[in-house]
């Protein structure tokens, strides 16, 4: 077998540590994506509300109502997850900042 296209494995695995700045950056990005998903959800729900289903068949009405609910629900779920991640990263950043400040004060004494 030809091993020319396989990337070589490096033995030195560099572990990236969390810092308050990295946590804050991640929280801002996640919060922005959560807000974008929330705005998209509102736009989709408004669009669905202004355009009613034009059918007399009850099966078509039920299926289209279920699909509309699923679309809005999935976007709302994504918005909520990004919001929770942003809050978690912000809390982690505060925790790391407090740990760094207490470590500096204990090393000074």
PDB file of N, CA and C in Angstrom:
ATOM      1  N   UNK A   1       0.833  -1.178   0.000  1.00  0.00           N
ATOM      2  CA  UNK A   1       0.000   0.000   0.000  1.00  0.00           C
ATOM      3  C   UNK A   1       0.879   1.244   0.000  1.00  0.00           C
ATOM      4  N   UNK A   2       0.414   2.288  -0.621  1.00  0.00           N
ATOM      5  CA  UNK A   2       1.175   3.524  -0.774  1.00  0.00           C
ATOM      6  C   UNK A   2       0.962   4.435   0.424  1.00  0.00           C
ATOM      7  N   UNK A   3       2.010   4.813   1.129  1.00  0.00           N
ATOM      8  CA  UNK A   3       1.918   5.670   2.315  1.00  0.00           C
ATOM      9  C   UNK A   3       2.383   7.091   2.030  1.00  0.00           C
ATOM     10  N   UNK A   4       2.345   7.525   0.787  1.00  0.00           N
ATOM     11  CA  UNK A   4       2.838   8.851   0.446  1.00  0.00           C
ATOM     12  C   UNK A   4       1.884   9.953   0.894  1.00  0.00           C
ATOM     13  N   UNK A   5       0.580   9.668   0.939  1.00  0.00           N
ATOM     14  CA  UNK A   5      -0.408  10.696   1.270  1.00  0.00           C
ATOM     15  C   UNK A   5      -0.729  10.766   2.754  1.00  0.00           C
ATOM     16  N   UNK A   6      -0.110   9.949   3.553  1.00  0.00           N
ATOM     17  CA  UNK A   6      -0.374   9.950   4.992  1.00  0.00           C
ATOM     18  C   UNK A   6       0.503  10.994   5.660  1.00  0.00           C
ATOM     19  N   UNK A   7      -0.118  11.836   6.474  1.00  0.00           N
ATOM     20  CA  UNK A   7       0.652  12.850   7.189  1.00  0.00           C
ATOM     21  C   UNK A   7       1.379  12.199   8.353  1.00  0.00           C
ATOM     22  N   UNK A   8       2.605  12.582   8.586  1.00  0.00           N
ATOM     23  CA  UNK A   8       3.372  11.966   9.673  1.00  0.00           C
ATOM     24  C   UNK A   8       2.830  12.406  11.039  1.00  0.00           C
ATOM     25  N   UNK A   9       2.833  11.484  11.979  1.00  0.00           N
ATOM     26  CA  UNK A   9       2.394  11.761  13.343  1.00  0.00           C
ATOM     27  C   UNK A   9       3.549  12.399  14.114  1.00  0.00           C
ATOM     28  N   UNK A  10       3.261  13.443  14.835  1.00  0.00           N
ATOM     29  CA  UNK A  10       4.275  14.081  15.663  1.00  0.00           C
ATOM     30  C   UNK A  10       4.131  13.566  17.090  1.00  0.00           C
ATOM     31  N   UNK A  11       5.248  13.328  17.720  1.00  0.00           N
ATOM     32  CA  UNK A  11       5.227  12.798  19.079  1.00  0.00           C
ATOM     33  C   UNK A  11       4.960  13.874  20.115  1.00  0.00           C
ATOM     34  N   UNK A  12       5.381  15.092  19.836  1.00  0.00           N
ATOM     35  CA  UNK A  12       5.207  16.180  20.790  1.00  0.00           C
ATOM     36  C   UNK A  12       3.794  16.747  20.646  1.00  0.00           C
ATOM     37  N   UNK A  13       2.928  16.399  21.585  1.00  0.00           N
ATOM     38  CA  UNK A  13       1.565  16.917  21.570  1.00  0.00           C
ATOM     39  C   UNK A  13       1.504  18.111  22.501  1.00  0.00           C
ATOM     40  N   UNK A  14       1.241  19.247  21.915  1.00  0.00           N
ATOM     41  CA  UNK A  14       1.206  20.484  22.668  1.00  0.00           C
ATOM     42  C   UNK A  14      -0.211  20.710  23.177  1.00  0.00           C
ATOM     43  N   UNK A  15      -0.361  20.802  24.479  1.00  0.00           N
ATOM     44  CA  UNK A  15      -1.680  21.009  25.069  1.00  0.00           C
ATOM     45  C   UNK A  15      -1.896  22.506  25.298  1.00  0.00           C
ATOM     46  N   UNK A  16      -2.996  23.017  24.753  1.00  0.00           N
ATOM     47  CA  UNK A  16      -3.309  24.429  24.880  1.00  0.00           C
ATOM     48  C   UNK A  16      -4.089  24.623  26.173  1.00  0.00           C
ATOM     49  N   UNK A  17      -3.625  25.525  27.001  1.00  0.00           N
ATOM     50  CA  UNK A  17      -4.303  25.776  28.265  1.00  0.00           C
ATOM     51  C   UNK A  17      -5.323  26.898  28.091  1.00  0.00           C
ATOM     52  N   UNK A  18      -6.330  26.842  28.912  1.00  0.00           N
ATOM     53  CA  UNK A  18      -7.375  27.876  28.860  1.00  0.00           C
ATOM     54  C   UNK A  18      -6.883  29.131  29.560  1.00  0.00           C
ATOM     55  N   UNK A  19      -7.235  30.255  28.995  1.00  0.00           N
ATOM     56  CA  UNK A  19      -6.900  31.542  29.600  1.00  0.00           C
ATOM     57  C   UNK A  19      -8.168  32.390  29.607  1.00  0.00           C
ATOM     58  N   UNK A  20      -8.215  33.388  30.485  1.00  0.00           N
ATOM     59  CA  UNK A  20      -9.412  34.232  30.504  1.00  0.00           C
ATOM     60  C   UNK A  20      -9.683  34.927  29.166  1.00  0.00           C
ATOM     61  N   UNK A  21      -8.626  35.311  28.460  1.00  0.00           N
ATOM     62  CA  UNK A  21      -8.811  35.972  27.168  1.00  0.00           C
ATOM     63  C   UNK A  21      -9.403  35.017  26.132  1.00  0.00           C
ATOM     64  N   UNK A  22      -8.904  33.777  26.117  1.00  0.00           N
ATOM     65  CA  UNK A  22      -9.447  32.790  25.186  1.00  0.00           C
ATOM     66  C   UNK A  22     -10.901  32.476  25.510  1.00  0.00           C
ATOM     67  N   UNK A  23     -11.223  32.393  26.795  1.00  0.00           N
ATOM     68  CA  UNK A  23     -12.607  32.137  27.196  1.00  0.00           C
ATOM     69  C   UNK A  23     -13.516  33.294  26.809  1.00  0.00           C
ATOM     70  N   UNK A  24     -13.043  34.513  27.009  1.00  0.00           N
ATOM     71  CA  UNK A  24     -13.839  35.682  26.648  1.00  0.00           C
ATOM     72  C   UNK A  24     -14.053  35.750  25.138  1.00  0.00           C
ATOM     73  N   UNK A  25     -13.019  35.448  24.372  1.00  0.00           N
ATOM     74  CA  UNK A  25     -13.147  35.440  22.917  1.00  0.00           C
ATOM     75  C   UNK A  25     -14.155  34.381  22.461  1.00  0.00           C
ATOM     76  N   UNK A  26     -14.061  33.195  23.030  1.00  0.00           N
ATOM     77  CA  UNK A  26     -15.013  32.139  22.694  1.00  0.00           C
ATOM     78  C   UNK A  26     -16.436  32.494  23.099  1.00  0.00           C
ATOM     79  N   UNK A  27     -16.586  33.153  24.243  1.00  0.00           N
ATOM     80  CA  UNK A  27     -17.917  33.556  24.695  1.00  0.00           C
ATOM     81  C   UNK A  27     -18.517  34.606  23.771  1.00  0.00           C
ATOM     82  N   UNK A  28     -17.688  35.531  23.298  1.00  0.00           N
ATOM     83  CA  UNK A  28     -18.190  36.559  22.377  1.00  0.00           C
ATOM     84  C   UNK A  28     -18.607  35.927  21.054  1.00  0.00           C
ATOM     85  N   UNK A  29     -17.806  35.009  20.546  1.00  0.00           N
ATOM     86  CA  UNK A  29     -18.135  34.340  19.287  1.00  0.00           C
ATOM     87  C   UNK A  29     -19.406  33.511  19.441  1.00  0.00           C
ATOM     88  N   UNK A  30     -19.485  32.734  20.511  1.00  0.00           N
ATOM     89  CA  UNK A  30     -20.663  31.904  20.735  1.00  0.00           C
ATOM     90  C   UNK A  30     -21.909  32.746  20.979  1.00  0.00           C
ATOM     91  N   UNK A  31     -21.761  33.830  21.716  1.00  0.00           N
ATOM     92  CA  UNK A  31     -22.894  34.718  21.941  1.00  0.00           C
ATOM     93  C   UNK A  31     -23.373  35.362  20.658  1.00  0.00           C
ATOM     94  N   UNK A  32     -22.438  35.735  19.799  1.00  0.00           N
ATOM     95  CA  UNK A  32     -22.800  36.304  18.502  1.00  0.00           C
ATOM     96  C   UNK A  32     -23.535  35.301  17.632  1.00  0.00           C
ATOM     97  N   UNK A  33     -23.065  34.065  17.637  1.00  0.00           N
ATOM     98  CA  UNK A  33     -23.743  33.036  16.852  1.00  0.00           C
ATOM     99  C   UNK A  33     -25.113  32.714  17.441  1.00  0.00           C
ATOM    100  N   UNK A  34     -25.213  32.749  18.767  1.00  0.00           N
ATOM    101  CA  UNK A  34     -26.513  32.535  19.401  1.00  0.00           C
ATOM    102  C   UNK A  34     -27.495  33.637  19.066  1.00  0.00           C
ATOM    103  N   UNK A  35     -27.013  34.886  19.067  1.00  0.00           N
ATOM    104  CA  UNK A  35     -27.879  36.002  18.702  1.00  0.00           C
ATOM    105  C   UNK A  35     -28.299  35.915  17.238  1.00  0.00           C
ATOM    106  N   UNK A  36     -27.370  35.506  16.383  1.00  0.00           N
ATOM    107  CA  UNK A  36     -27.700  35.353  14.961  1.00  0.00           C
ATOM    108  C   UNK A  36     -28.750  34.255  14.770  1.00  0.00           C
ATOM    109  N   UNK A  37     -28.602  33.146  15.495  1.00  0.00           N
ATOM    110  CA  UNK A  37     -29.577  32.066  15.398  1.00  0.00           C
ATOM    111  C   UNK A  37     -30.930  32.505  15.951  1.00  0.00           C
ATOM    112  N   UNK A  38     -30.917  33.310  17.012  1.00  0.00           N
ATOM    113  CA  UNK A  38     -32.165  33.821  17.576  1.00  0.00           C
ATOM    114  C   UNK A  38     -32.863  34.760  16.587  1.00  0.00           C
ATOM    115  N   UNK A  39     -32.096  35.626  15.944  1.00  0.00           N
ATOM    116  CA  UNK A  39     -32.669  36.530  14.948  1.00  0.00           C
ATOM    117  C   UNK A  39     -33.229  35.748  13.761  1.00  0.00           C
ATOM    118  N   UNK A  40     -32.521  34.703  13.366  1.00  0.00           N
ATOM    119  CA  UNK A  40     -33.009  33.845  12.290  1.00  0.00           C
ATOM    120  C   UNK A  40     -34.295  33.145  12.693  1.00  0.00           C
ATOM    121  N   UNK A  41     -34.376  32.686  13.934  1.00  0.00           N
ATOM    122  CA  UNK A  41     -35.584  32.021  14.413  1.00  0.00           C
ATOM    123  C   UNK A  41     -36.775  32.973  14.397  1.00  0.00           C
ATOM    124  N   UNK A  42     -36.568  34.205  14.841  1.00  0.00           N
ATOM    125  CA  UNK A  42     -37.654  35.189  14.825  1.00  0.00           C
ATOM    126  C   UNK A  42     -38.097  35.476  13.396  1.00  0.00           C
ATOM    127  N   UNK A  43     -37.145  35.594  12.473  1.00  0.00           N
ATOM    128  CA  UNK A  43     -37.486  35.858  11.077  1.00  0.00           C
ATOM    129  C   UNK A  43     -38.264  34.690  10.469  1.00  0.00           C
ATOM    130  N   UNK A  44     -37.844  33.474  10.773  1.00  0.00           N
ATOM    131  CA  UNK A  44     -38.538  32.298  10.242  1.00  0.00           C
ATOM    132  C   UNK A  44     -39.942  32.211  10.820  1.00  0.00           C
ATOM    133  N   UNK A  45     -40.083  32.402  12.126  1.00  0.00           N
ATOM    134  CA  UNK A  45     -41.401  32.320  12.760  1.00  0.00           C
ATOM    135  C   UNK A  45     -42.332  33.410  12.237  1.00  0.00           C
ATOM    136  N   UNK A  46     -41.813  34.601  12.023  1.00  0.00           N
ATOM    137  CA  UNK A  46     -42.624  35.692  11.475  1.00  0.00           C
ATOM    138  C   UNK A  46     -43.043  35.382  10.042  1.00  0.00           C
ATOM    139  N   UNK A  47     -42.129  34.829   9.271  1.00  0.00           N
ATOM    140  CA  UNK A  47     -42.437  34.467   7.900  1.00  0.00           C
ATOM    141  C   UNK A  47     -43.512  33.380   7.853  1.00  0.00           C
ATOM    142  N   UNK A  48     -43.397  32.384   8.708  1.00  0.00           N
ATOM    143  CA  UNK A  48     -44.406  31.327   8.760  1.00  0.00           C
ATOM    144  C   UNK A  48     -45.757  31.870   9.205  1.00  0.00           C
ATOM    145  N   UNK A  49     -45.755  32.831  10.133  1.00  0.00           N
ATOM    146  CA  UNK A  49     -47.005  33.374  10.647  1.00  0.00           C
ATOM    147  C   UNK A  49     -47.723  34.239   9.614  1.00  0.00           C
ATOM    148  N   UNK A  50     -46.956  34.912   8.770  1.00  0.00           N
ATOM    149  CA  UNK A  50     -47.590  35.796   7.780  1.00  0.00           C
ATOM    150  C   UNK A  50     -48.049  35.048   6.538  1.00  0.00           C
ATOM    151  N   UNK A  51     -47.571  33.828   6.335  1.00  0.00           N
ATOM    152  CA  UNK A  51     -47.963  33.048   5.161  1.00  0.00           C
ATOM    153  C   UNK A  51     -48.709  31.791   5.610  1.00  0.00           C
ATOM    154  N   UNK A  52     -50.029  31.844   5.632  1.00  0.00           N
ATOM    155  CA  UNK A  52     -50.785  30.673   6.089  1.00  0.00           C
ATOM    156  C   UNK A  52     -50.742  29.540   5.055  1.00  0.00           C
ATOM    157  N   UNK A  53     -51.128  28.387   5.507  1.00  0.00           N
ATOM    158  CA  UNK A  53     -51.149  27.204   4.656  1.00  0.00           C
ATOM    159  C   UNK A  53     -52.436  27.241   3.832  1.00  0.00           C
ATOM    160  N   UNK A  54     -52.324  27.153   2.506  1.00  0.00           N
ATOM    161  CA  UNK A  54     -53.483  27.220   1.626  1.00  0.00           C
ATOM    162  C   UNK A  54     -53.849  25.805   1.187  1.00  0.00           C
ATOM    163  N   UNK A  55     -54.606  25.121   2.015  1.00  0.00           N
ATOM    164  CA  UNK A  55     -55.052  23.781   1.674  1.00  0.00           C
ATOM    165  C   UNK A  55     -56.299  23.458   2.485  1.00  0.00           C
ATOM    166  N   UNK A  56     -57.112  22.572   1.937  1.00  0.00           N
ATOM    167  CA  UNK A  56     -58.296  22.107   2.670  1.00  0.00           C
ATOM    168  C   UNK A  56     -58.091  20.682   3.156  1.00  0.00           C
ATOM    169  N   UNK A  57     -56.999  20.056   2.722  1.00  0.00           N
ATOM    170  CA  UNK A  57     -56.699  18.690   3.133  1.00  0.00           C
ATOM    171  C   UNK A  57     -56.135  18.705   4.559  1.00  0.00           C
ATOM    172  N   UNK A  58     -56.787  18.021   5.507  1.00  0.00           N
ATOM    173  CA  UNK A  58     -56.295  18.043   6.896  1.00  0.00           C
ATOM    174  C   UNK A  58     -54.905  17.423   7.059  1.00  0.00           C
ATOM    175  N   UNK A  59     -54.574  16.425   6.245  1.00  0.00           N
ATOM    176  CA  UNK A  59     -53.262  15.792   6.338  1.00  0.00           C
ATOM    177  C   UNK A  59     -52.161  16.776   5.931  1.00  0.00           C
ATOM    178  N   UNK A  60     -52.388  17.548   4.894  1.00  0.00           N
ATOM    179  CA  UNK A  60     -51.420  18.544   4.443  1.00  0.00           C
ATOM    180  C   UNK A  60     -51.233  19.610   5.517  1.00  0.00           C
ATOM    181  N   UNK A  61     -52.313  20.038   6.123  1.00  0.00           N
ATOM    182  CA  UNK A  61     -52.239  21.059   7.171  1.00  0.00           C
ATOM    183  C   UNK A  61     -51.455  20.537   8.371  1.00  0.00           C
ATOM    184  N   UNK A  62     -51.704  19.298   8.776  1.00  0.00           N
ATOM    185  CA  UNK A  62     -50.988  18.722   9.931  1.00  0.00           C
ATOM    186  C   UNK A  62     -49.503  18.541   9.647  1.00  0.00           C
ATOM    187  N   UNK A  63     -49.181  18.039   8.464  1.00  0.00           N
ATOM    188  CA  UNK A  63     -47.773  17.804   8.123  1.00  0.00           C
ATOM    189  C   UNK A  63     -47.025  19.131   8.003  1.00  0.00           C
ATOM    190  N   UNK A  64     -47.615  20.096   7.327  1.00  0.00           N
ATOM    191  CA  UNK A  64     -46.928  21.382   7.186  1.00  0.00           C
ATOM    192  C   UNK A  64     -46.800  22.105   8.524  1.00  0.00           C
ATOM    193  N   UNK A  65     -47.779  21.947   9.392  1.00  0.00           N
ATOM    194  CA  UNK A  65     -47.680  22.535  10.724  1.00  0.00           C
ATOM    195  C   UNK A  65     -46.564  21.869  11.531  1.00  0.00           C
ATOM    196  N   UNK A  66     -46.451  20.549  11.394  1.00  0.00           N
ATOM    197  CA  UNK A  66     -45.384  19.828  12.098  1.00  0.00           C
ATOM    198  C   UNK A  66     -44.013  20.231  11.570  1.00  0.00           C
ATOM    199  N   UNK A  67     -43.891  20.389  10.261  1.00  0.00           N
ATOM    200  CA  UNK A  67     -42.607  20.778   9.668  1.00  0.00           C
ATOM    201  C   UNK A  67     -42.234  22.186  10.099  1.00  0.00           C
ATOM    202  N   UNK A  68     -43.190  23.084  10.109  1.00  0.00           N
ATOM    203  CA  UNK A  68     -42.914  24.455  10.558  1.00  0.00           C
ATOM    204  C   UNK A  68     -42.473  24.469  12.013  1.00  0.00           C
ATOM    205  N   UNK A  69     -43.145  23.688  12.837  1.00  0.00           N
ATOM    206  CA  UNK A  69     -42.773  23.618  14.254  1.00  0.00           C
ATOM    207  C   UNK A  69     -41.374  23.045  14.426  1.00  0.00           C
ATOM    208  N   UNK A  70     -41.050  22.009  13.649  1.00  0.00           N
ATOM    209  CA  UNK A  70     -39.717  21.413  13.742  1.00  0.00           C
ATOM    210  C   UNK A  70     -38.626  22.381  13.288  1.00  0.00           C
ATOM    211  N   UNK A  71     -38.879  23.133  12.229  1.00  0.00           N
ATOM    212  CA  UNK A  71     -37.875  24.078  11.734  1.00  0.00           C
ATOM    213  C   UNK A  71     -37.606  25.156  12.780  1.00  0.00           C
ATOM    214  N   UNK A  72     -38.657  25.739  13.316  1.00  0.00           N
ATOM    215  CA  UNK A  72     -38.485  26.779  14.337  1.00  0.00           C
ATOM    216  C   UNK A  72     -37.848  26.185  15.591  1.00  0.00           C
ATOM    217  N   UNK A  73     -38.231  24.971  15.956  1.00  0.00           N
ATOM    218  CA  UNK A  73     -37.679  24.327  17.150  1.00  0.00           C
ATOM    219  C   UNK A  73     -36.198  24.020  17.033  1.00  0.00           C
ATOM    220  N   UNK A  74     -35.765  23.560  15.863  1.00  0.00           N
ATOM    221  CA  UNK A  74     -34.343  23.245  15.684  1.00  0.00           C
ATOM    222  C   UNK A  74     -33.493  24.514  15.744  1.00  0.00           C
ATOM    223  N   UNK A  75     -33.977  25.579  15.124  1.00  0.00           N
ATOM    224  CA  UNK A  75     -33.228  26.836  15.174  1.00  0.00           C
ATOM    225  C   UNK A  75     -33.220  27.393  16.596  1.00  0.00           C
ATOM    226  N   UNK A  76     -34.332  27.244  17.320  1.00  0.00           N
ATOM    227  CA  UNK A  76     -34.380  27.692  18.720  1.00  0.00           C
ATOM    228  C   UNK A  76     -33.429  26.869  19.582  1.00  0.00           C
ATOM    229  N   UNK A  77     -33.334  25.578  19.318  1.00  0.00           N
ATOM    230  CA  UNK A  77     -32.414  24.724  20.065  1.00  0.00           C
ATOM    231  C   UNK A  77     -30.970  25.149  19.827  1.00  0.00           C
ATOM    232  N   UNK A  78     -30.628  25.430  18.579  1.00  0.00           N
ATOM    233  CA  UNK A  78     -29.277  25.912  18.281  1.00  0.00           C
ATOM    234  C   UNK A  78     -28.982  27.234  18.958  1.00  0.00           C
ATOM    235  N   UNK A  79     -29.964  28.123  18.962  1.00  0.00           N
ATOM    236  CA  UNK A  79     -29.796  29.417  19.626  1.00  0.00           C
ATOM    237  C   UNK A  79     -29.572  29.231  21.123  1.00  0.00           C
ATOM    238  N   UNK A  80     -30.349  28.371  21.726  1.00  0.00           N
ATOM    239  CA  UNK A  80     -30.205  28.115  23.159  1.00  0.00           C
ATOM    240  C   UNK A  80     -28.874  27.481  23.515  1.00  0.00           C
ATOM    241  N   UNK A  81     -28.423  26.547  22.698  1.00  0.00           N
ATOM    242  CA  UNK A  81     -27.144  25.888  22.976  1.00  0.00           C
ATOM    243  C   UNK A  81     -25.991  26.881  22.869  1.00  0.00           C
ATOM    244  N   UNK A  82     -26.008  27.714  21.837  1.00  0.00           N
ATOM    245  CA  UNK A  82     -24.946  28.722  21.715  1.00  0.00           C
ATOM    246  C   UNK A  82     -24.984  29.701  22.885  1.00  0.00           C
ATOM    247  N   UNK A  83     -26.184  30.055  23.351  1.00  0.00           N
ATOM    248  CA  UNK A  83     -26.299  30.941  24.506  1.00  0.00           C
ATOM    249  C   UNK A  83     -25.740  30.315  25.770  1.00  0.00           C
ATOM    250  N   UNK A  84     -26.049  29.041  25.998  1.00  0.00           N
ATOM    251  CA  UNK A  84     -25.545  28.342  27.183  1.00  0.00           C
ATOM    252  C   UNK A  84     -24.027  28.201  27.124  1.00  0.00           C
ATOM    253  N   UNK A  85     -23.497  27.920  25.945  1.00  0.00           N
ATOM    254  CA  UNK A  85     -22.042  27.818  25.793  1.00  0.00           C
ATOM    255  C   UNK A  85     -21.380  29.159  26.074  1.00  0.00           C
ATOM    256  N   UNK A  86     -21.992  30.242  25.608  1.00  0.00           N
ATOM    257  CA  UNK A  86     -21.433  31.576  25.866  1.00  0.00           C
ATOM    258  C   UNK A  86     -21.415  31.873  27.361  1.00  0.00           C
ATOM    259  N   UNK A  87     -22.488  31.542  28.054  1.00  0.00           N
ATOM    260  CA  UNK A  87     -22.538  31.776  29.501  1.00  0.00           C
ATOM    261  C   UNK A  87     -21.497  30.917  30.217  1.00  0.00           C
ATOM    262  N   UNK A  88     -21.354  29.660  29.797  1.00  0.00           N
ATOM    263  CA  UNK A  88     -20.369  28.774  30.410  1.00  0.00           C
ATOM    264  C   UNK A  88     -18.943  29.245  30.193  1.00  0.00           C
ATOM    265  N   UNK A  89     -18.640  29.687  28.983  1.00  0.00           N
ATOM    266  CA  UNK A  89     -17.291  30.187  28.719  1.00  0.00           C
ATOM    267  C   UNK A  89     -16.999  31.471  29.482  1.00  0.00           C
ATOM    268  N   UNK A  90     -18.001  32.311  29.604  1.00  0.00           N
ATOM    269  CA  UNK A  90     -17.827  33.535  30.384  1.00  0.00           C
ATOM    270  C   UNK A  90     -17.571  33.202  31.854  1.00  0.00           C
ATOM    271  N   UNK A  91     -18.315  32.247  32.383  1.00  0.00           N
ATOM    272  CA  UNK A  91     -18.109  31.833  33.781  1.00  0.00           C
ATOM    273  C   UNK A  91     -16.736  31.199  33.973  1.00  0.00           C
ATOM    274  N   UNK A  92     -16.294  30.396  32.996  1.00  0.00           N
ATOM    275  CA  UNK A  92     -14.962  29.801  33.082  1.00  0.00           C
ATOM    276  C   UNK A  92     -13.885  30.870  33.046  1.00  0.00           C
ATOM    277  N   UNK A  93     -14.068  31.876  32.215  1.00  0.00           N
ATOM    278  CA  UNK A  93     -13.097  32.970  32.157  1.00  0.00           C
ATOM    279  C   UNK A  93     -13.008  33.717  33.475  1.00  0.00           C
ATOM    280  N   UNK A  94     -14.155  33.969  34.108  1.00  0.00           N
ATOM    281  CA  UNK A  94     -14.159  34.643  35.413  1.00  0.00           C
ATOM    282  C   UNK A  94     -13.473  33.765  36.452  1.00  0.00           C
ATOM    283  N   UNK A  95     -13.764  32.460  36.416  1.00  0.00           N
ATOM    284  CA  UNK A  95     -13.140  31.543  37.366  1.00  0.00           C
ATOM    285  C   UNK A  95     -11.620  31.517  37.190  1.00  0.00           C
ATOM    286  N   UNK A  96     -11.154  31.450  35.963  1.00  0.00           N
ATOM    287  CA  UNK A  96      -9.710  31.445  35.722  1.00  0.00           C
ATOM    288  C   UNK A  96      -9.064  32.761  36.142  1.00  0.00           C
ATOM    289  N   UNK A  97      -9.756  33.857  35.925  1.00  0.00           N
ATOM    290  CA  UNK A  97      -9.229  35.158  36.334  1.00  0.00           C
ATOM    291  C   UNK A  97      -9.111  35.249  37.849  1.00  0.00           C
ATOM    292  N   UNK A  98     -10.125  34.766  38.553  1.00  0.00           N
ATOM    293  CA  UNK A  98     -10.081  34.774  40.025  1.00  0.00           C
ATOM    294  C   UNK A  98      -8.968  33.871  40.525  1.00  0.00           C
ATOM    295  N   UNK A  99      -8.797  32.702  39.891  1.00  0.00           N
ATOM    296  CA  UNK A  99      -7.718  31.800  40.305  1.00  0.00           C
ATOM    297  C   UNK A  99      -6.352  32.429  40.081  1.00  0.00           C
ATOM    298  N   UNK A 100      -6.178  33.132  38.964  1.00  0.00           N
ATOM    299  CA  UNK A 100      -4.895  33.783  38.707  1.00  0.00           C
ATOM    300  C   UNK A 100      -4.637  34.898  39.711  1.00  0.00           C
ATOM    301  N   UNK A 101      -5.667  35.657  40.059  1.00  0.00           N
ATOM    302  CA  UNK A 101      -5.487  36.750  41.018  1.00  0.00           C
ATOM    303  C   UNK A 101      -5.191  36.221  42.423  1.00  0.00           C
ATOM    304  N   UNK A 102      -5.860  35.144  42.830  1.00  0.00           N
ATOM    305  CA  UNK A 102      -5.589  34.593  44.161  1.00  0.00           C
ATOM    306  C   UNK A 102      -4.226  33.919  44.208  1.00  0.00           C
ATOM    307  N   UNK A 103      -3.788  33.337  43.092  1.00  0.00           N
ATOM    308  CA  UNK A 103      -2.467  32.713  43.052  1.00  0.00           C
ATOM    309  C   UNK A 103      -1.379  33.782  43.173  1.00  0.00           C
ATOM    310  N   UNK A 104      -1.576  34.935  42.529  1.00  0.00           N
ATOM    311  CA  UNK A 104      -0.596  36.018  42.618  1.00  0.00           C
ATOM    312  C   UNK A 104      -0.542  36.584  44.020  1.00  0.00           C
ATOM    313  N   UNK A 105      -1.689  36.742  44.666  1.00  0.00           N
ATOM    314  CA  UNK A 105      -1.697  37.308  46.019  1.00  0.00           C
ATOM    315  C   UNK A 105      -1.074  36.345  47.019  1.00  0.00           C
ATOM    316  N   UNK A 106      -1.291  35.035  46.843  1.00  0.00           N
ATOM    317  CA  UNK A 106      -0.705  34.072  47.776  1.00  0.00           C
ATOM    318  C   UNK A 106       0.786  33.944  47.554  1.00  0.00           C
ATOM    319  N   UNK A 107       1.279  34.147  46.328  1.00  0.00           N
ATOM    320  CA  UNK A 107       2.725  34.068  46.082  1.00  0.00           C
ATOM    321  C   UNK A 107       3.443  35.315  46.585  1.00  0.00           C
ATOM    322  N   UNK A 108       2.733  36.445  46.671  1.00  0.00           N
ATOM    323  CA  UNK A 108       3.340  37.670  47.192  1.00  0.00           C
ATOM    324  C   UNK A 108       3.540  37.595  48.703  1.00  0.00           C
ATOM    325  N   UNK A 109       2.647  36.897  49.396  1.00  0.00           N
ATOM    326  CA  UNK A 109       2.727  36.818  50.878  1.00  0.00           C
ATOM    327  C   UNK A 109       3.718  35.814  51.326  1.00  0.00           C
TER     328      UNK A 109
END
